Amino acid sequence: QAEEELKEACARQALQLQEMGRRERLLTADVGRAKEQLESFKTQVMRVCSPAAAGVAGKAVTEQQVIEKVRQISDENQQSHEREKRLQEELSFRLSKEKEVSANIEVFKKSLQELQ
């Protein structure tokens, strides 16, 4: 009976090992696909960011190149937002000055009419 239990335990372990091997192969395949997708994504990002930087003749784009380009675009975006804010402030200031000048012109017109 002990021998039978030992055979069953060995059979269970063999099945478990087979299952672990199958899972390992699936995970390895998943990792390979993920690497391919990452490389494709990096190349697409670089192509969008700067077509010339996308690599020559299919040369792989490094992660550092992608990071630097994304950082550059982020900095440019920030500068653009700051410039837009300054322009909005300037526009607001000019509009208030224009209203002030218009009000002064109206006062001047009334004073002129009163003098006539």
PDB file of N, CA and C in Angstrom:
ATOM      1  N   GLN A   1       0.828  -1.201   0.000  1.00  0.00           N
ATOM      2  CA  GLN A   1       0.000   0.000   0.000  1.00  0.00           C
ATOM      3  C   GLN A   1       0.870   1.261   0.000  1.00  0.00           C
ATOM      4  N   ALA A   2       1.940   1.224   0.770  1.00  0.00           N
ATOM      5  CA  ALA A   2       2.854   2.369   0.807  1.00  0.00           C
ATOM      6  C   ALA A   2       3.461   2.599  -0.570  1.00  0.00           C
ATOM      7  N   GLU A   3       3.763   1.500  -1.258  1.00  0.00           N
ATOM      8  CA  GLU A   3       4.325   1.605  -2.611  1.00  0.00           C
ATOM      9  C   GLU A   3       3.327   2.254  -3.561  1.00  0.00           C
ATOM     10  N   GLU A   4       2.053   1.877  -3.425  1.00  0.00           N
ATOM     11  CA  GLU A   4       0.982   2.439  -4.268  1.00  0.00           C
ATOM     12  C   GLU A   4       0.849   3.941  -4.014  1.00  0.00           C
ATOM     13  N   GLU A   5       0.881   4.341  -2.740  1.00  0.00           N
ATOM     14  CA  GLU A   5       0.774   5.766  -2.393  1.00  0.00           C
ATOM     15  C   GLU A   5       1.969   6.540  -2.945  1.00  0.00           C
ATOM     16  N   LEU A   6       3.141   5.919  -2.880  1.00  0.00           N
ATOM     17  CA  LEU A   6       4.342   6.551  -3.401  1.00  0.00           C
ATOM     18  C   LEU A   6       4.241   6.739  -4.910  1.00  0.00           C
ATOM     19  N   LYS A   7       3.711   5.731  -5.619  1.00  0.00           N
ATOM     20  CA  LYS A   7       3.531   5.832  -7.075  1.00  0.00           C
ATOM     21  C   LYS A   7       2.545   6.954  -7.407  1.00  0.00           C
ATOM     22  N   GLU A   8       1.457   7.038  -6.645  1.00  0.00           N
ATOM     23  CA  GLU A   8       0.465   8.097  -6.884  1.00  0.00           C
ATOM     24  C   GLU A   8       1.070   9.479  -6.627  1.00  0.00           C
ATOM     25  N   ALA A   9       1.860   9.588  -5.555  1.00  0.00           N
ATOM     26  CA  ALA A   9       2.506  10.870  -5.242  1.00  0.00           C
ATOM     27  C   ALA A   9       3.474  11.251  -6.360  1.00  0.00           C
ATOM     28  N   CYS A  10       4.211  10.262  -6.863  1.00  0.00           N
ATOM     29  CA  CYS A  10       5.146  10.520  -7.970  1.00  0.00           C
ATOM     30  C   CYS A  10       4.387  10.935  -9.226  1.00  0.00           C
ATOM     31  N   ALA A  11       3.272  10.296  -9.481  1.00  0.00           N
ATOM     32  CA  ALA A  11       2.463  10.630 -10.657  1.00  0.00           C
ATOM     33  C   ALA A  11       1.927  12.059 -10.529  1.00  0.00           C
ATOM     34  N   ARG A  12       1.461  12.420  -9.319  1.00  0.00           N
ATOM     35  CA  ARG A  12       0.969  13.793  -9.095  1.00  0.00           C
ATOM     36  C   ARG A  12       2.080  14.808  -9.305  1.00  0.00           C
ATOM     37  N   GLN A  13       3.258  14.489  -8.791  1.00  0.00           N
ATOM     38  CA  GLN A  13       4.391  15.401  -8.950  1.00  0.00           C
ATOM     39  C   GLN A  13       4.791  15.536 -10.417  1.00  0.00           C
ATOM     40  N   ALA A  14       4.716  14.428 -11.140  1.00  0.00           N
ATOM     41  CA  ALA A  14       5.050  14.467 -12.573  1.00  0.00           C
ATOM     42  C   ALA A  14       4.062  15.358 -13.319  1.00  0.00           C
ATOM     43  N   LEU A  15       2.777  15.255 -12.984  1.00  0.00           N
ATOM     44  CA  LEU A  15       1.754  16.106 -13.603  1.00  0.00           C
ATOM     45  C   LEU A  15       1.979  17.577 -13.242  1.00  0.00           C
ATOM     46  N   GLN A  16       2.348  17.808 -11.982  1.00  0.00           N
ATOM     47  CA  GLN A  16       2.615  19.181 -11.551  1.00  0.00           C
ATOM     48  C   GLN A  16       3.812  19.764 -12.302  1.00  0.00           C
ATOM     49  N   LEU A  17       4.846  18.946 -12.476  1.00  0.00           N
ATOM     50  CA  LEU A  17       6.025  19.399 -13.224  1.00  0.00           C
ATOM     51  C   LEU A  17       5.679  19.703 -14.678  1.00  0.00           C
ATOM     52  N   GLN A  18       4.855  18.851 -15.268  1.00  0.00           N
ATOM     53  CA  GLN A  18       4.424  19.095 -16.650  1.00  0.00           C
ATOM     54  C   GLN A  18       3.656  20.413 -16.737  1.00  0.00           C
ATOM     55  N   GLU A  19       2.749  20.631 -15.776  1.00  0.00           N
ATOM     56  CA  GLU A  19       1.954  21.859 -15.760  1.00  0.00           C
ATOM     57  C   GLU A  19       2.856  23.082 -15.564  1.00  0.00           C
ATOM     58  N   MET A  20       3.833  22.954 -14.671  1.00  0.00           N
ATOM     59  CA  MET A  20       4.768  24.068 -14.451  1.00  0.00           C
ATOM     60  C   MET A  20       5.575  24.360 -15.716  1.00  0.00           C
ATOM     61  N   GLY A  21       5.979  23.301 -16.415  1.00  0.00           N
ATOM     62  CA  GLY A  21       6.715  23.485 -17.670  1.00  0.00           C
ATOM     63  C   GLY A  21       5.854  24.185 -18.715  1.00  0.00           C
ATOM     64  N   ARG A  22       4.585  23.787 -18.791  1.00  0.00           N
ATOM     65  CA  ARG A  22       3.657  24.417 -19.741  1.00  0.00           C
ATOM     66  C   ARG A  22       3.484  25.896 -19.413  1.00  0.00           C
ATOM     67  N   ARG A  23       3.313  26.189 -18.135  1.00  0.00           N
ATOM     68  CA  ARG A  23       3.149  27.591 -17.713  1.00  0.00           C
ATOM     69  C   ARG A  23       4.401  28.410 -18.003  1.00  0.00           C
ATOM     70  N   GLU A  24       5.550  27.797 -17.780  1.00  0.00           N
ATOM     71  CA  GLU A  24       6.812  28.487 -18.052  1.00  0.00           C
ATOM     72  C   GLU A  24       6.926  28.836 -19.539  1.00  0.00           C
ATOM     73  N   ARG A  25       6.555  27.886 -20.393  1.00  0.00           N
ATOM     74  CA  ARG A  25       6.610  28.144 -21.842  1.00  0.00           C
ATOM     75  C   ARG A  25       5.648  29.275 -22.230  1.00  0.00           C
ATOM     76  N   LEU A  26       4.446  29.261 -21.628  1.00  0.00           N
ATOM     77  CA  LEU A  26       3.472  30.328 -21.914  1.00  0.00           C
ATOM     78  C   LEU A  26       3.995  31.690 -21.450  1.00  0.00           C
ATOM     79  N   LEU A  27       4.571  31.705 -20.256  1.00  0.00           N
ATOM     80  CA  LEU A  27       5.115  32.968 -19.735  1.00  0.00           C
ATOM     81  C   LEU A  27       6.276  33.464 -20.591  1.00  0.00           C
ATOM     82  N   THR A  28       7.124  32.563 -21.021  1.00  0.00           N
ATOM     83  CA  THR A  28       8.245  32.937 -21.886  1.00  0.00           C
ATOM     84  C   THR A  28       7.737  33.535 -23.192  1.00  0.00           C
ATOM     85  N   ALA A  29       6.707  32.914 -23.747  1.00  0.00           N
ATOM     86  CA  ALA A  29       6.119  33.437 -24.983  1.00  0.00           C
ATOM     87  C   ALA A  29       5.492  34.817 -24.737  1.00  0.00           C
ATOM     88  N   ASP A  30       4.809  34.971 -23.595  1.00  0.00           N
ATOM     89  CA  ASP A  30       4.210  36.268 -23.245  1.00  0.00           C
ATOM     90  C   ASP A  30       5.280  37.349 -23.101  1.00  0.00           C
ATOM     91  N   VAL A  31       6.383  37.014 -22.463  1.00  0.00           N
ATOM     92  CA  VAL A  31       7.477  37.971 -22.283  1.00  0.00           C
ATOM     93  C   VAL A  31       8.040  38.369 -23.646  1.00  0.00           C
ATOM     94  N   GLY A  32       8.187  37.406 -24.524  1.00  0.00           N
ATOM     95  CA  GLY A  32       8.686  37.703 -25.870  1.00  0.00           C
ATOM     96  C   GLY A  32       7.760  38.649 -26.619  1.00  0.00           C
ATOM     97  N   ARG A  33       6.457  38.391 -26.536  1.00  0.00           N
ATOM     98  CA  ARG A  33       5.485  39.277 -27.193  1.00  0.00           C
ATOM     99  C   ARG A  33       5.512  40.674 -26.577  1.00  0.00           C
ATOM    100  N   ALA A  34       5.631  40.732 -25.248  1.00  0.00           N
ATOM    101  CA  ALA A  34       5.670  42.030 -24.560  1.00  0.00           C
ATOM    102  C   ALA A  34       6.900  42.829 -24.996  1.00  0.00           C
ATOM    103  N   LYS A  35       8.034  42.160 -25.145  1.00  0.00           N
ATOM    104  CA  LYS A  35       9.256  42.838 -25.605  1.00  0.00           C
ATOM    105  C   LYS A  35       9.060  43.393 -27.013  1.00  0.00           C
ATOM    106  N   GLU A  36       8.455  42.597 -27.888  1.00  0.00           N
ATOM    107  CA  GLU A  36       8.200  43.045 -29.260  1.00  0.00           C
ATOM    108  C   GLU A  36       7.265  44.248 -29.267  1.00  0.00           C
ATOM    109  N   GLN A  37       6.216  44.194 -28.427  1.00  0.00           N
ATOM    110  CA  GLN A  37       5.264  45.306 -28.355  1.00  0.00           C
ATOM    111  C   GLN A  37       5.946  46.568 -27.831  1.00  0.00           C
ATOM    112  N   LEU A  38       6.803  46.408 -26.820  1.00  0.00           N
ATOM    113  CA  LEU A  38       7.521  47.559 -26.269  1.00  0.00           C
ATOM    114  C   LEU A  38       8.425  48.187 -27.325  1.00  0.00           C
ATOM    115  N   GLU A  39       9.137  47.363 -28.046  1.00  0.00           N
ATOM    116  CA  GLU A  39      10.035  47.879 -29.085  1.00  0.00           C
ATOM    117  C   GLU A  39       9.237  48.603 -30.166  1.00  0.00           C
ATOM    118  N   SER A  40       8.117  48.027 -30.540  1.00  0.00           N
ATOM    119  CA  SER A  40       7.248  48.658 -31.541  1.00  0.00           C
ATOM    120  C   SER A  40       6.719  49.987 -31.023  1.00  0.00           C
ATOM    121  N   PHE A  41       6.302  50.008 -29.756  1.00  0.00           N
ATOM    122  CA  PHE A  41       5.786  51.240 -29.161  1.00  0.00           C
ATOM    123  C   PHE A  41       6.869  52.322 -29.134  1.00  0.00           C
ATOM    124  N   LYS A  42       8.076  51.946 -28.709  1.00  0.00           N
ATOM    125  CA  LYS A  42       9.174  52.923 -28.662  1.00  0.00           C
ATOM    126  C   LYS A  42       9.429  53.500 -30.050  1.00  0.00           C
ATOM    127  N   THR A  43       9.444  52.638 -31.049  1.00  0.00           N
ATOM    128  CA  THR A  43       9.692  53.102 -32.413  1.00  0.00           C
ATOM    129  C   THR A  43       8.578  54.040 -32.872  1.00  0.00           C
ATOM    130  N   GLN A  44       7.323  53.688 -32.548  1.00  0.00           N
ATOM    131  CA  GLN A  44       6.202  54.557 -32.926  1.00  0.00           C
ATOM    132  C   GLN A  44       6.297  55.910 -32.239  1.00  0.00           C
ATOM    133  N   VAL A  45       6.641  55.902 -30.953  1.00  0.00           N
ATOM    134  CA  VAL A  45       6.779  57.166 -30.223  1.00  0.00           C
ATOM    135  C   VAL A  45       7.856  58.015 -30.872  1.00  0.00           C
ATOM    136  N   MET A  46       8.988  57.399 -31.168  1.00  0.00           N
ATOM    137  CA  MET A  46      10.089  58.157 -31.779  1.00  0.00           C
ATOM    138  C   MET A  46       9.706  58.654 -33.168  1.00  0.00           C
ATOM    139  N   ARG A  47       8.975  57.847 -33.909  1.00  0.00           N
ATOM    140  CA  ARG A  47       8.561  58.254 -35.248  1.00  0.00           C
ATOM    141  C   ARG A  47       7.639  59.464 -35.172  1.00  0.00           C
ATOM    142  N   VAL A  48       6.738  59.456 -34.189  1.00  0.00           N
ATOM    143  CA  VAL A  48       5.815  60.574 -34.012  1.00  0.00           C
ATOM    144  C   VAL A  48       6.572  61.804 -33.521  1.00  0.00           C
ATOM    145  N   CYS A  49       7.475  61.582 -32.568  1.00  0.00           N
ATOM    146  CA  CYS A  49       8.226  62.695 -31.986  1.00  0.00           C
ATOM    147  C   CYS A  49       9.188  63.317 -32.995  1.00  0.00           C
ATOM    148  N   SER A  50       9.892  62.489 -33.671  1.00  0.00           N
ATOM    149  CA  SER A  50      10.898  62.968 -34.614  1.00  0.00           C
ATOM    150  C   SER A  50      11.192  61.866 -35.622  1.00  0.00           C
ATOM    151  N   PRO A  51      10.642  61.979 -36.816  1.00  0.00           N
ATOM    152  CA  PRO A  51      10.849  60.910 -37.805  1.00  0.00           C
ATOM    153  C   PRO A  51      12.315  60.571 -38.038  1.00  0.00           C
ATOM    154  N   ALA A  52      13.195  61.568 -37.990  1.00  0.00           N
ATOM    155  CA  ALA A  52      14.609  61.307 -38.244  1.00  0.00           C
ATOM    156  C   ALA A  52      15.238  60.492 -37.117  1.00  0.00           C
ATOM    157  N   ALA A  53      14.656  60.590 -35.902  1.00  0.00           N
ATOM    158  CA  ALA A  53      15.220  59.883 -34.755  1.00  0.00           C
ATOM    159  C   ALA A  53      14.668  58.475 -34.610  1.00  0.00           C
ATOM    160  N   ALA A  54      13.805  58.070 -35.511  1.00  0.00           N
ATOM    161  CA  ALA A  54      13.152  56.767 -35.389  1.00  0.00           C
ATOM    162  C   ALA A  54      14.083  55.605 -35.687  1.00  0.00           C
ATOM    163  N   GLY A  55      15.289  55.897 -36.074  1.00  0.00           N
ATOM    164  CA  GLY A  55      16.229  54.822 -36.339  1.00  0.00           C
ATOM    165  C   GLY A  55      16.464  54.693 -37.830  1.00  0.00           C
ATOM    166  N   VAL A  56      17.687  54.377 -38.165  1.00  0.00           N
ATOM    167  CA  VAL A  56      18.067  54.249 -39.559  1.00  0.00           C
ATOM    168  C   VAL A  56      18.008  52.777 -39.949  1.00  0.00           C
ATOM    169  N   ALA A  57      17.314  52.483 -41.005  1.00  0.00           N
ATOM    170  CA  ALA A  57      17.213  51.121 -41.547  1.00  0.00           C
ATOM    171  C   ALA A  57      16.796  50.121 -40.481  1.00  0.00           C
ATOM    172  N   GLY A  58      15.773  50.498 -39.697  1.00  0.00           N
ATOM    173  CA  GLY A  58      15.230  49.574 -38.710  1.00  0.00           C
ATOM    174  C   GLY A  58      16.066  49.420 -37.456  1.00  0.00           C
ATOM    175  N   LYS A  59      17.051  50.285 -37.264  1.00  0.00           N
ATOM    176  CA  LYS A  59      17.881  50.220 -36.059  1.00  0.00           C
ATOM    177  C   LYS A  59      17.001  50.420 -34.833  1.00  0.00           C
ATOM    178  N   ALA A  60      17.213  49.615 -33.815  1.00  0.00           N
ATOM    179  CA  ALA A  60      16.377  49.676 -32.616  1.00  0.00           C
ATOM    180  C   ALA A  60      16.547  51.013 -31.904  1.00  0.00           C
ATOM    181  N   VAL A  61      15.435  51.532 -31.411  1.00  0.00           N
ATOM    182  CA  VAL A  61      15.439  52.780 -30.664  1.00  0.00           C
ATOM    183  C   VAL A  61      15.647  52.432 -29.194  1.00  0.00           C
ATOM    184  N   THR A  62      16.545  53.155 -28.546  1.00  0.00           N
ATOM    185  CA  THR A  62      16.809  52.848 -27.140  1.00  0.00           C
ATOM    186  C   THR A  62      15.765  53.503 -26.246  1.00  0.00           C
ATOM    187  N   GLU A  63      15.609  52.937 -25.069  1.00  0.00           N
ATOM    188  CA  GLU A  63      14.670  53.519 -24.103  1.00  0.00           C
ATOM    189  C   GLU A  63      15.098  54.932 -23.740  1.00  0.00           C
ATOM    190  N   GLN A  64      16.396  55.150 -23.646  1.00  0.00           N
ATOM    191  CA  GLN A  64      16.907  56.482 -23.289  1.00  0.00           C
ATOM    192  C   GLN A  64      16.514  57.509 -24.339  1.00  0.00           C
ATOM    193  N   GLN A  65      16.546  57.129 -25.610  1.00  0.00           N
ATOM    194  CA  GLN A  65      16.126  58.050 -26.672  1.00  0.00           C
ATOM    195  C   GLN A  65      14.657  58.415 -26.515  1.00  0.00           C
ATOM    196  N   VAL A  66      13.835  57.424 -26.207  1.00  0.00           N
ATOM    197  CA  VAL A  66      12.404  57.673 -26.024  1.00  0.00           C
ATOM    198  C   VAL A  66      12.190  58.605 -24.834  1.00  0.00           C
ATOM    199  N   ILE A  67      12.866  58.309 -23.722  1.00  0.00           N
ATOM    200  CA  ILE A  67      12.722  59.128 -22.511  1.00  0.00           C
ATOM    201  C   ILE A  67      13.150  60.561 -22.775  1.00  0.00           C
ATOM    202  N   GLU A  68      14.289  60.740 -23.442  1.00  0.00           N
ATOM    203  CA  GLU A  68      14.773  62.094 -23.724  1.00  0.00           C
ATOM    204  C   GLU A  68      13.807  62.853 -24.629  1.00  0.00           C
ATOM    205  N   LYS A  69      13.270  62.178 -25.623  1.00  0.00           N
ATOM    206  CA  LYS A  69      12.345  62.842 -26.538  1.00  0.00           C
ATOM    207  C   LYS A  69      11.050  63.219 -25.835  1.00  0.00           C
ATOM    208  N   VAL A  70      10.533  62.318 -24.999  1.00  0.00           N
ATOM    209  CA  VAL A  70       9.306  62.614 -24.257  1.00  0.00           C
ATOM    210  C   VAL A  70       9.552  63.779 -23.294  1.00  0.00           C
ATOM    211  N   ARG A  71      10.722  63.790 -22.657  1.00  0.00           N
ATOM    212  CA  ARG A  71      11.078  64.902 -21.766  1.00  0.00           C
ATOM    213  C   ARG A  71      11.133  66.217 -22.539  1.00  0.00           C
ATOM    214  N   GLN A  72      11.742  66.175 -23.705  1.00  0.00           N
ATOM    215  CA  GLN A  72      11.849  67.377 -24.535  1.00  0.00           C
ATOM    216  C   GLN A  72      10.455  67.899 -24.906  1.00  0.00           C
ATOM    217  N   ILE A  73       9.586  67.000 -25.312  1.00  0.00           N
ATOM    218  CA  ILE A  73       8.223  67.401 -25.695  1.00  0.00           C
ATOM    219  C   ILE A  73       7.485  67.953 -24.481  1.00  0.00           C
ATOM    220  N   SER A  74       7.681  67.332 -23.332  1.00  0.00           N
ATOM    221  CA  SER A  74       7.045  67.809 -22.104  1.00  0.00           C
ATOM    222  C   SER A  74       7.529  69.216 -21.759  1.00  0.00           C
ATOM    223  N   ASP A  75       8.831  69.447 -21.876  1.00  0.00           N
ATOM    224  CA  ASP A  75       9.382  70.780 -21.605  1.00  0.00           C
ATOM    225  C   ASP A  75       8.820  71.811 -22.578  1.00  0.00           C
ATOM    226  N   GLU A  76       8.768  71.445 -23.852  1.00  0.00           N
ATOM    227  CA  GLU A  76       8.223  72.369 -24.860  1.00  0.00           C
ATOM    228  C   GLU A  76       6.755  72.673 -24.572  1.00  0.00           C
ATOM    229  N   ASN A  77       6.019  71.663 -24.140  1.00  0.00           N
ATOM    230  CA  ASN A  77       4.610  71.837 -23.795  1.00  0.00           C
ATOM    231  C   ASN A  77       4.463  72.800 -22.618  1.00  0.00           C
ATOM    232  N   GLN A  78       5.306  72.627 -21.608  1.00  0.00           N
ATOM    233  CA  GLN A  78       5.280  73.501 -20.435  1.00  0.00           C
ATOM    234  C   GLN A  78       5.595  74.941 -20.836  1.00  0.00           C
ATOM    235  N   GLN A  79       6.603  75.120 -21.668  1.00  0.00           N
ATOM    236  CA  GLN A  79       6.968  76.467 -22.132  1.00  0.00           C
ATOM    237  C   GLN A  79       5.829  77.092 -22.922  1.00  0.00           C
ATOM    238  N   SER A  80       5.179  76.280 -23.718  1.00  0.00           N
ATOM    239  CA  SER A  80       4.054  76.767 -24.512  1.00  0.00           C
ATOM    240  C   SER A  80       2.915  77.228 -23.608  1.00  0.00           C
ATOM    241  N   HIS A  81       2.635  76.449 -22.558  1.00  0.00           N
ATOM    242  CA  HIS A  81       1.580  76.830 -21.616  1.00  0.00           C
ATOM    243  C   HIS A  81       1.933  78.136 -20.900  1.00  0.00           C
ATOM    244  N   GLU A  82       3.202  78.266 -20.507  1.00  0.00           N
ATOM    245  CA  GLU A  82       3.639  79.490 -19.831  1.00  0.00           C
ATOM    246  C   GLU A  82       3.518  80.691 -20.763  1.00  0.00           C
ATOM    247  N   ARG A  83       3.919  80.512 -22.006  1.00  0.00           N
ATOM    248  CA  ARG A  83       3.824  81.606 -22.986  1.00  0.00           C
ATOM    249  C   ARG A  83       2.351  81.974 -23.218  1.00  0.00           C
ATOM    250  N   GLU A  84       1.484  80.967 -23.323  1.00  0.00           N
ATOM    251  CA  GLU A  84       0.063  81.220 -23.518  1.00  0.00           C
ATOM    252  C   GLU A  84      -0.505  82.009 -22.337  1.00  0.00           C
ATOM    253  N   LYS A  85      -0.078  81.644 -21.135  1.00  0.00           N
ATOM    254  CA  LYS A  85      -0.544  82.352 -19.935  1.00  0.00           C
ATOM    255  C   LYS A  85      -0.092  83.813 -19.973  1.00  0.00           C
ATOM    256  N   ARG A  86       1.167  84.046 -20.327  1.00  0.00           N
ATOM    257  CA  ARG A  86       1.673  85.430 -20.422  1.00  0.00           C
ATOM    258  C   ARG A  86       0.904  86.228 -21.463  1.00  0.00           C
ATOM    259  N   LEU A  87       0.625  85.592 -22.599  1.00  0.00           N
ATOM    260  CA  LEU A  87      -0.117  86.287 -23.660  1.00  0.00           C
ATOM    261  C   LEU A  87      -1.547  86.603 -23.218  1.00  0.00           C
ATOM    262  N   GLN A  88      -2.157  85.675 -22.478  1.00  0.00           N
ATOM    263  CA  GLN A  88      -3.511  85.919 -21.956  1.00  0.00           C
ATOM    264  C   GLN A  88      -3.493  87.108 -20.996  1.00  0.00           C
ATOM    265  N   GLU A  89      -2.488  87.153 -20.129  1.00  0.00           N
ATOM    266  CA  GLU A  89      -2.374  88.269 -19.184  1.00  0.00           C
ATOM    267  C   GLU A  89      -2.174  89.586 -19.922  1.00  0.00           C
ATOM    268  N   GLU A  90      -1.311  89.561 -20.936  1.00  0.00           N
ATOM    269  CA  GLU A  90      -1.052  90.766 -21.723  1.00  0.00           C
ATOM    270  C   GLU A  90      -2.325  91.218 -22.438  1.00  0.00           C
ATOM    271  N   LEU A  91      -3.047  90.276 -23.001  1.00  0.00           N
ATOM    272  CA  LEU A  91      -4.296  90.598 -23.698  1.00  0.00           C
ATOM    273  C   LEU A  91      -5.304  91.201 -22.728  1.00  0.00           C
ATOM    274  N   SER A  92      -5.421  90.606 -21.565  1.00  0.00           N
ATOM    275  CA  SER A  92      -6.339  91.119 -20.547  1.00  0.00           C
ATOM    276  C   SER A  92      -5.955  92.543 -20.148  1.00  0.00           C
ATOM    277  N   PHE A  93      -4.665  92.791 -19.953  1.00  0.00           N
ATOM    278  CA  PHE A  93      -4.179  94.125 -19.602  1.00  0.00           C
ATOM    279  C   PHE A  93      -4.506  95.127 -20.710  1.00  0.00           C
ATOM    280  N   ARG A  94      -4.260  94.751 -21.949  1.00  0.00           N
ATOM    281  CA  ARG A  94      -4.532  95.663 -23.082  1.00  0.00           C
ATOM    282  C   ARG A  94      -6.028  95.953 -23.222  1.00  0.00           C
ATOM    283  N   LEU A  95      -6.853  94.922 -23.003  1.00  0.00           N
ATOM    284  CA  LEU A  95      -8.300  95.146 -23.083  1.00  0.00           C
ATOM    285  C   LEU A  95      -8.771  96.114 -21.997  1.00  0.00           C
ATOM    286  N   SER A  96      -8.232  95.973 -20.803  1.00  0.00           N
ATOM    287  CA  SER A  96      -8.623  96.889 -19.725  1.00  0.00           C
ATOM    288  C   SER A  96      -8.157  98.303 -20.044  1.00  0.00           C
ATOM    289  N   LYS A  97      -6.958  98.439 -20.630  1.00  0.00           N
ATOM    290  CA  LYS A  97      -6.469  99.764 -21.025  1.00  0.00           C
ATOM    291  C   LYS A  97      -7.358 100.358 -22.116  1.00  0.00           C
ATOM    292  N   GLU A  98      -7.760  99.491 -23.061  1.00  0.00           N
ATOM    293  CA  GLU A  98      -8.620  99.962 -24.149  1.00  0.00           C
ATOM    294  C   GLU A  98      -9.952 100.473 -23.597  1.00  0.00           C
ATOM    295  N   LYS A  99     -10.511  99.757 -22.631  1.00  0.00           N
ATOM    296  CA  LYS A  99     -11.764 100.206 -22.003  1.00  0.00           C
ATOM    297  C   LYS A  99     -11.568 101.539 -21.296  1.00  0.00           C
ATOM    298  N   GLU A 100     -10.442 101.653 -20.633  1.00  0.00           N
ATOM    299  CA  GLU A 100     -10.131 102.906 -19.929  1.00  0.00           C
ATOM    300  C   GLU A 100     -10.012 104.066 -20.902  1.00  0.00           C
ATOM    301  N   VAL A 101      -9.330 103.842 -22.010  1.00  0.00           N
ATOM    302  CA  VAL A 101      -9.171 104.886 -23.029  1.00  0.00           C
ATOM    303  C   VAL A 101     -10.527 105.239 -23.633  1.00  0.00           C
ATOM    304  N   SER A 102     -11.345 104.213 -23.902  1.00  0.00           N
ATOM    305  CA  SER A 102     -12.677 104.475 -24.459  1.00  0.00           C
ATOM    306  C   SER A 102     -13.519 105.308 -23.496  1.00  0.00           C
ATOM    307  N   ALA A 103     -13.451 104.993 -22.228  1.00  0.00           N
ATOM    308  CA  ALA A 103     -14.193 105.764 -21.226  1.00  0.00           C
ATOM    309  C   ALA A 103     -13.690 107.200 -21.189  1.00  0.00           C
ATOM    310  N   ASN A 104     -12.387 107.392 -21.268  1.00  0.00           N
ATOM    311  CA  ASN A 104     -11.810 108.741 -21.275  1.00  0.00           C
ATOM    312  C   ASN A 104     -12.242 109.521 -22.515  1.00  0.00           C
ATOM    313  N   ILE A 105     -12.323 108.811 -23.650  1.00  0.00           N
ATOM    314  CA  ILE A 105     -12.762 109.475 -24.882  1.00  0.00           C
ATOM    315  C   ILE A 105     -14.203 109.944 -24.732  1.00  0.00           C
ATOM    316  N   GLU A 106     -15.054 109.102 -24.126  1.00  0.00           N
ATOM    317  CA  GLU A 106     -16.453 109.494 -23.918  1.00  0.00           C
ATOM    318  C   GLU A 106     -16.547 110.727 -23.017  1.00  0.00           C
ATOM    319  N   VAL A 107     -15.752 110.740 -21.961  1.00  0.00           N
ATOM    320  CA  VAL A 107     -15.727 111.905 -21.059  1.00  0.00           C
ATOM    321  C   VAL A 107     -15.262 113.140 -21.824  1.00  0.00           C
ATOM    322  N   PHE A 108     -14.270 112.983 -22.645  1.00  0.00           N
ATOM    323  CA  PHE A 108     -13.737 114.099 -23.435  1.00  0.00           C
ATOM    324  C   PHE A 108     -14.789 114.615 -24.418  1.00  0.00           C
ATOM    325  N   LYS A 109     -15.512 113.681 -25.077  1.00  0.00           N
ATOM    326  CA  LYS A 109     -16.575 114.075 -26.019  1.00  0.00           C
ATOM    327  C   LYS A 109     -17.659 114.880 -25.302  1.00  0.00           C
ATOM    328  N   LYS A 110     -18.071 114.410 -24.128  1.00  0.00           N
ATOM    329  CA  LYS A 110     -19.108 115.111 -23.378  1.00  0.00           C
ATOM    330  C   LYS A 110     -18.620 116.501 -22.987  1.00  0.00           C
ATOM    331  N   SER A 111     -17.393 116.566 -22.542  1.00  0.00           N
ATOM    332  CA  SER A 111     -16.840 117.890 -22.154  1.00  0.00           C
ATOM    333  C   SER A 111     -16.784 118.822 -23.356  1.00  0.00           C
ATOM    334  N   LEU A 112     -16.431 118.286 -24.501  1.00  0.00           N
ATOM    335  CA  LEU A 112     -16.351 119.081 -25.727  1.00  0.00           C
ATOM    336  C   LEU A 112     -17.740 119.587 -26.112  1.00  0.00           C
ATOM    337  N   GLN A 113     -18.737 118.675 -26.012  1.00  0.00           N
ATOM    338  CA  GLN A 113     -20.113 119.080 -26.359  1.00  0.00           C
ATOM    339  C   GLN A 113     -20.614 120.170 -25.409  1.00  0.00           C
ATOM    340  N   GLU A 114     -20.238 120.071 -24.144  1.00  0.00           N
ATOM    341  CA  GLU A 114     -20.673 121.075 -23.165  1.00  0.00           C
ATOM    342  C   GLU A 114     -20.034 122.435 -23.461  1.00  0.00           C
ATOM    343  N   LEU A 115     -18.835 122.400 -24.001  1.00  0.00           N
ATOM    344  CA  LEU A 115     -18.153 123.640 -24.319  1.00  0.00           C
ATOM    345  C   LEU A 115     -18.743 124.315 -25.555  1.00  0.00           C
ATOM    346  N   GLN A 116     -19.344 123.558 -26.417  1.00  0.00           N
ATOM    347  CA  GLN A 116     -19.883 124.134 -27.661  1.00  0.00           C
ATOM    348  C   GLN A 116     -21.139 124.849 -27.479  1.00  0.00           C
TER     349      GLN A 116
END
